[in-house]
Structures are given as structure tokens and as C-alpha cells.
Amino acid sequence: MQFPADLRYTKDHEWIKVEGNTATIGITDFAQGELGDIVYIDINTVGKSLAAEAVFGTVEAVKTVSDLFLPVAGTIAEINPALANQPELVNTDPYGAGWMVKVTLNNAADVEQLMTSEAYSQLVH
């Protein structure tokens, strides 16, 4: 299982990558493995300003539906358009083509409060 060192992680198994005032967010390799085959992603929060830990959408796997939690406060700027027709990208490339949303951050420094790859690895092992 991979947990890239350039990302930050949450206890709810989301990852975040910050570039300037924009963050890309998805679910971790651990999370997609626990969910199994992902069949549908439902995110309808584009343009909405949400608090940290607010639900920004859901991910549906064959056996379950799970909420997606925003790691830090911000406004949902973009949804990954590829997931509409290929939700399985979250399974095959969770840190790349399987990203879920891009967010304009309220405060980029909030990301520093999230787990490093080492801390997240300890959480899931």
C-alpha cells in the first residue's frame, strides 16, 4: 500500500495535495481497498463553501456507500470529470487519475494540522 510523502492525510482516509491556494483531494489507497470495487461517485457540491470535515459527496462501492469528508475548509472548485464514466479510476490510481475534487482553500496553513504519510501509515497498520 502506498502513502506518498508529499500528501497529507485524514483519519477518514482522504488525502490532500496543496498547490498554492488550491488543493486536490481524493481517498487513500487503504480506503479504496477497504471499499472494494467502486461503481459510482456522487459529488454535487461544486461552488459550495464547506467547513473542514463537512461531507462533500459519497462514494459507492458494490457493498456499501461511504461519505467523503473535506479535510480542510474551502470551496469546491472542480470535480474530476473522468469519474462520471470511470469511477474505477479511484481503485486503480487513487493518487493520480482517481482524484475527486479540487478545492480553493480558506487557509492553506490548515493542511499542516493533518497527518503525514508516516502518521497515516501507523493509523492503518
C-alpha atoms as a PDB file:
ATOM      1  CA  MET A   1       0.000   0.000   0.000  1.00  0.00           C
ATOM      2  CA  GLN A   2       1.263   3.455  -0.899  1.00  0.00           C
ATOM      3  CA  PHE A   3       1.033   6.693   1.076  1.00  0.00           C
ATOM      4  CA  PRO A   4       3.010   9.317  -0.890  1.00  0.00           C
ATOM      5  CA  ALA A   5       5.114  11.562   1.358  1.00  0.00           C
ATOM      6  CA  ASP A   6       4.117  14.770  -0.472  1.00  0.00           C
ATOM      7  CA  LEU A   7       0.468  14.393   0.613  1.00  0.00           C
ATOM      8  CA  ARG A   8      -1.339  14.917   3.925  1.00  0.00           C
ATOM      9  CA  TYR A   9      -3.973  12.522   5.258  1.00  0.00           C
ATOM     10  CA  THR A  10      -7.078  12.429   7.469  1.00  0.00           C
ATOM     11  CA  LYS A  11      -8.437   9.883   9.928  1.00  0.00           C
ATOM     12  CA  ASP A  12     -11.337   9.490   7.464  1.00  0.00           C
ATOM     13  CA  HIS A  13      -8.901   8.238   4.780  1.00  0.00           C
ATOM     14  CA  GLU A  14      -8.829  11.253   2.477  1.00  0.00           C
ATOM     15  CA  TRP A  15      -5.612  12.653   1.051  1.00  0.00           C
ATOM     16  CA  ILE A  16      -4.871  16.250   0.117  1.00  0.00           C
ATOM     17  CA  LYS A  17      -2.206  17.818  -2.089  1.00  0.00           C
ATOM     18  CA  VAL A  18      -1.767  21.575  -1.892  1.00  0.00           C
ATOM     19  CA  GLU A  19      -0.511  23.713  -4.773  1.00  0.00           C
ATOM     20  CA  GLY A  20      -0.694  27.390  -3.854  1.00  0.00           C
ATOM     21  CA  ASN A  21      -4.229  28.126  -2.665  1.00  0.00           C
ATOM     22  CA  THR A  22      -5.724  25.082  -4.423  1.00  0.00           C
ATOM     23  CA  ALA A  23      -5.888  21.553  -3.071  1.00  0.00           C
ATOM     24  CA  THR A  24      -6.587  18.296  -4.852  1.00  0.00           C
ATOM     25  CA  ILE A  25      -8.416  15.726  -2.709  1.00  0.00           C
ATOM     26  CA  GLY A  26      -9.174  12.022  -3.035  1.00  0.00           C
ATOM     27  CA  ILE A  27      -9.360   8.855  -0.975  1.00  0.00           C
ATOM     28  CA  THR A  28      -6.341   6.804   0.021  1.00  0.00           C
ATOM     29  CA  ASP A  29      -5.123   3.501  -1.331  1.00  0.00           C
ATOM     30  CA  PHE A  30      -6.177   1.960   2.006  1.00  0.00           C
ATOM     31  CA  ALA A  31      -9.717   3.373   1.686  1.00  0.00           C
ATOM     32  CA  GLN A  32     -10.276   2.165  -1.873  1.00  0.00           C
ATOM     33  CA  GLY A  33      -9.007  -1.287  -0.858  1.00  0.00           C
ATOM     34  CA  GLU A  34     -11.433  -1.429   2.073  1.00  0.00           C
ATOM     35  CA  LEU A  35     -14.350  -0.286  -0.097  1.00  0.00           C
ATOM     36  CA  GLY A  36     -13.680  -2.733  -2.918  1.00  0.00           C
ATOM     37  CA  ASP A  37     -14.886  -2.118  -6.464  1.00  0.00           C
ATOM     38  CA  ILE A  38     -16.093   1.470  -6.721  1.00  0.00           C
ATOM     39  CA  VAL A  39     -19.101   1.817  -9.001  1.00  0.00           C
ATOM     40  CA  TYR A  40     -20.290   5.408  -8.536  1.00  0.00           C
ATOM     41  CA  ILE A  41     -19.073   8.760  -7.210  1.00  0.00           C
ATOM     42  CA  ASP A  42     -21.723  11.322  -6.201  1.00  0.00           C
ATOM     43  CA  ILE A  43     -20.389  14.837  -5.695  1.00  0.00           C
ATOM     44  CA  ASN A  44     -22.752  17.766  -6.230  1.00  0.00           C
ATOM     45  CA  THR A  45     -21.061  20.438  -4.139  1.00  0.00           C
ATOM     46  CA  VAL A  46     -19.262  22.491  -6.822  1.00  0.00           C
ATOM     47  CA  GLY A  47     -19.273  26.157  -5.874  1.00  0.00           C
ATOM     48  CA  LYS A  48     -20.159  25.419  -2.248  1.00  0.00           C
ATOM     49  CA  SER A  49     -18.060  26.691   0.629  1.00  0.00           C
ATOM     50  CA  LEU A  50     -17.708  23.932   3.211  1.00  0.00           C
ATOM     51  CA  ALA A  51     -16.191  23.618   6.666  1.00  0.00           C
ATOM     52  CA  ALA A  52     -13.416  21.170   7.494  1.00  0.00           C
ATOM     53  CA  GLU A  53     -14.827  17.642   7.962  1.00  0.00           C
ATOM     54  CA  ALA A  54     -18.061  18.513   6.114  1.00  0.00           C
ATOM     55  CA  VAL A  55     -19.415  15.870   3.727  1.00  0.00           C
ATOM     56  CA  PHE A  56     -18.662  16.877   0.127  1.00  0.00           C
ATOM     57  CA  GLY A  57     -20.023  13.755  -1.586  1.00  0.00           C
ATOM     58  CA  THR A  58     -20.298   9.995  -1.451  1.00  0.00           C
ATOM     59  CA  VAL A  59     -18.500   7.046  -2.966  1.00  0.00           C
ATOM     60  CA  GLU A  60     -20.488   3.925  -3.769  1.00  0.00           C
ATOM     61  CA  ALA A  61     -18.893   0.510  -3.891  1.00  0.00           C
ATOM     62  CA  VAL A  62     -20.540  -2.824  -4.634  1.00  0.00           C
ATOM     63  CA  LYS A  63     -21.333  -3.457  -0.949  1.00  0.00           C
ATOM     64  CA  THR A  64     -21.510  -0.006   0.679  1.00  0.00           C
ATOM     65  CA  VAL A  65     -21.844   3.758   0.347  1.00  0.00           C
ATOM     66  CA  SER A  66     -19.408   5.999   2.233  1.00  0.00           C
ATOM     67  CA  ASP A  67     -19.373   9.733   2.847  1.00  0.00           C
ATOM     68  CA  LEU A  68     -16.454  11.819   1.640  1.00  0.00           C
ATOM     69  CA  PHE A  69     -15.177  14.382   4.154  1.00  0.00           C
ATOM     70  CA  LEU A  70     -13.400  17.622   3.279  1.00  0.00           C
ATOM     71  CA  PRO A  71     -10.007  17.666   5.069  1.00  0.00           C
ATOM     72  CA  VAL A  72      -9.899  21.474   5.446  1.00  0.00           C
ATOM     73  CA  ALA A  73     -12.315  24.366   4.915  1.00  0.00           C
ATOM     74  CA  GLY A  74     -12.691  25.656   1.374  1.00  0.00           C
ATOM     75  CA  THR A  75     -14.845  25.989  -1.724  1.00  0.00           C
ATOM     76  CA  ILE A  76     -15.289  23.069  -4.110  1.00  0.00           C
ATOM     77  CA  ALA A  77     -13.907  24.412  -7.396  1.00  0.00           C
ATOM     78  CA  GLU A  78     -13.924  21.334  -9.633  1.00  0.00           C
ATOM     79  CA  ILE A  79     -14.960  17.685  -9.745  1.00  0.00           C
ATOM     80  CA  ASN A  80     -12.870  15.127 -11.611  1.00  0.00           C
ATOM     81  CA  PRO A  81     -14.950  14.729 -14.816  1.00  0.00           C
ATOM     82  CA  ALA A  82     -13.431  11.320 -15.619  1.00  0.00           C
ATOM     83  CA  LEU A  83     -15.101   9.726 -12.576  1.00  0.00           C
ATOM     84  CA  ALA A  84     -18.584  10.076 -14.084  1.00  0.00           C
ATOM     85  CA  ASN A  85     -17.817   7.337 -16.612  1.00  0.00           C
ATOM     86  CA  GLN A  86     -14.844   5.671 -14.909  1.00  0.00           C
ATOM     87  CA  PRO A  87     -15.346   5.559 -11.118  1.00  0.00           C
ATOM     88  CA  GLU A  88     -12.950   2.587 -11.032  1.00  0.00           C
ATOM     89  CA  LEU A  89     -10.075   5.081 -11.522  1.00  0.00           C
ATOM     90  CA  VAL A  90     -10.295   5.564  -7.752  1.00  0.00           C
ATOM     91  CA  ASN A  91      -9.398   1.870  -7.366  1.00  0.00           C
ATOM     92  CA  THR A  92      -6.638   1.757  -9.973  1.00  0.00           C
ATOM     93  CA  ASP A  93      -4.989   5.157  -9.410  1.00  0.00           C
ATOM     94  CA  PRO A  94      -6.221   6.740  -6.149  1.00  0.00           C
ATOM     95  CA  TYR A  95      -3.452   9.379  -6.025  1.00  0.00           C
ATOM     96  CA  GLY A  96      -3.452  10.230  -9.725  1.00  0.00           C
ATOM     97  CA  ALA A  97      -6.284   9.870 -12.237  1.00  0.00           C
ATOM     98  CA  GLY A  98      -8.663   8.921  -9.401  1.00  0.00           C
ATOM     99  CA  TRP A  99      -8.603  12.319  -7.654  1.00  0.00           C
ATOM    100  CA  MET A 100     -12.063  13.547  -6.680  1.00  0.00           C
ATOM    101  CA  VAL A 101     -12.204  17.325  -6.219  1.00  0.00           C
ATOM    102  CA  LYS A 102     -10.155  20.490  -6.384  1.00  0.00           C
ATOM    103  CA  VAL A 103     -10.784  22.997  -3.623  1.00  0.00           C
ATOM    104  CA  THR A 104      -9.928  26.662  -3.173  1.00  0.00           C
ATOM    105  CA  LEU A 105      -8.604  26.744   0.382  1.00  0.00           C
ATOM    106  CA  ASN A 106      -9.789  29.185   3.036  1.00  0.00           C
ATOM    107  CA  ASN A 107      -6.417  28.859   4.802  1.00  0.00           C
ATOM    108  CA  ALA A 108      -3.624  26.750   3.284  1.00  0.00           C
ATOM    109  CA  ALA A 109      -1.922  26.549   6.698  1.00  0.00           C
ATOM    110  CA  ASP A 110      -4.791  24.327   7.944  1.00  0.00           C
ATOM    111  CA  VAL A 111      -3.244  21.470   5.980  1.00  0.00           C
ATOM    112  CA  GLU A 112      -0.308  21.406   8.399  1.00  0.00           C
ATOM    113  CA  GLN A 113      -2.664  20.011  11.072  1.00  0.00           C
ATOM    114  CA  LEU A 114      -3.296  16.852   9.012  1.00  0.00           C
ATOM    115  CA  MET A 115      -1.338  13.601   9.240  1.00  0.00           C
ATOM    116  CA  THR A 116       1.928  12.973   7.433  1.00  0.00           C
ATOM    117  CA  SER A 117       2.318   9.773   5.409  1.00  0.00           C
ATOM    118  CA  GLU A 118       4.177   8.185   8.357  1.00  0.00           C
ATOM    119  CA  ALA A 119       1.406   9.024  10.840  1.00  0.00           C
ATOM    120  CA  TYR A 120      -1.294   7.809   8.458  1.00  0.00           C
ATOM    121  CA  SER A 121       0.592   4.576   7.824  1.00  0.00           C
ATOM    122  CA  GLN A 122       0.685   3.940  11.570  1.00  0.00           C
ATOM    123  CA  LEU A 123      -3.066   4.604  11.796  1.00  0.00           C
ATOM    124  CA  VAL A 124      -3.977   1.944   9.230  1.00  0.00           C
ATOM    125  CA  HIS A 125      -1.431  -0.732  10.196  1.00  0.00           C
END
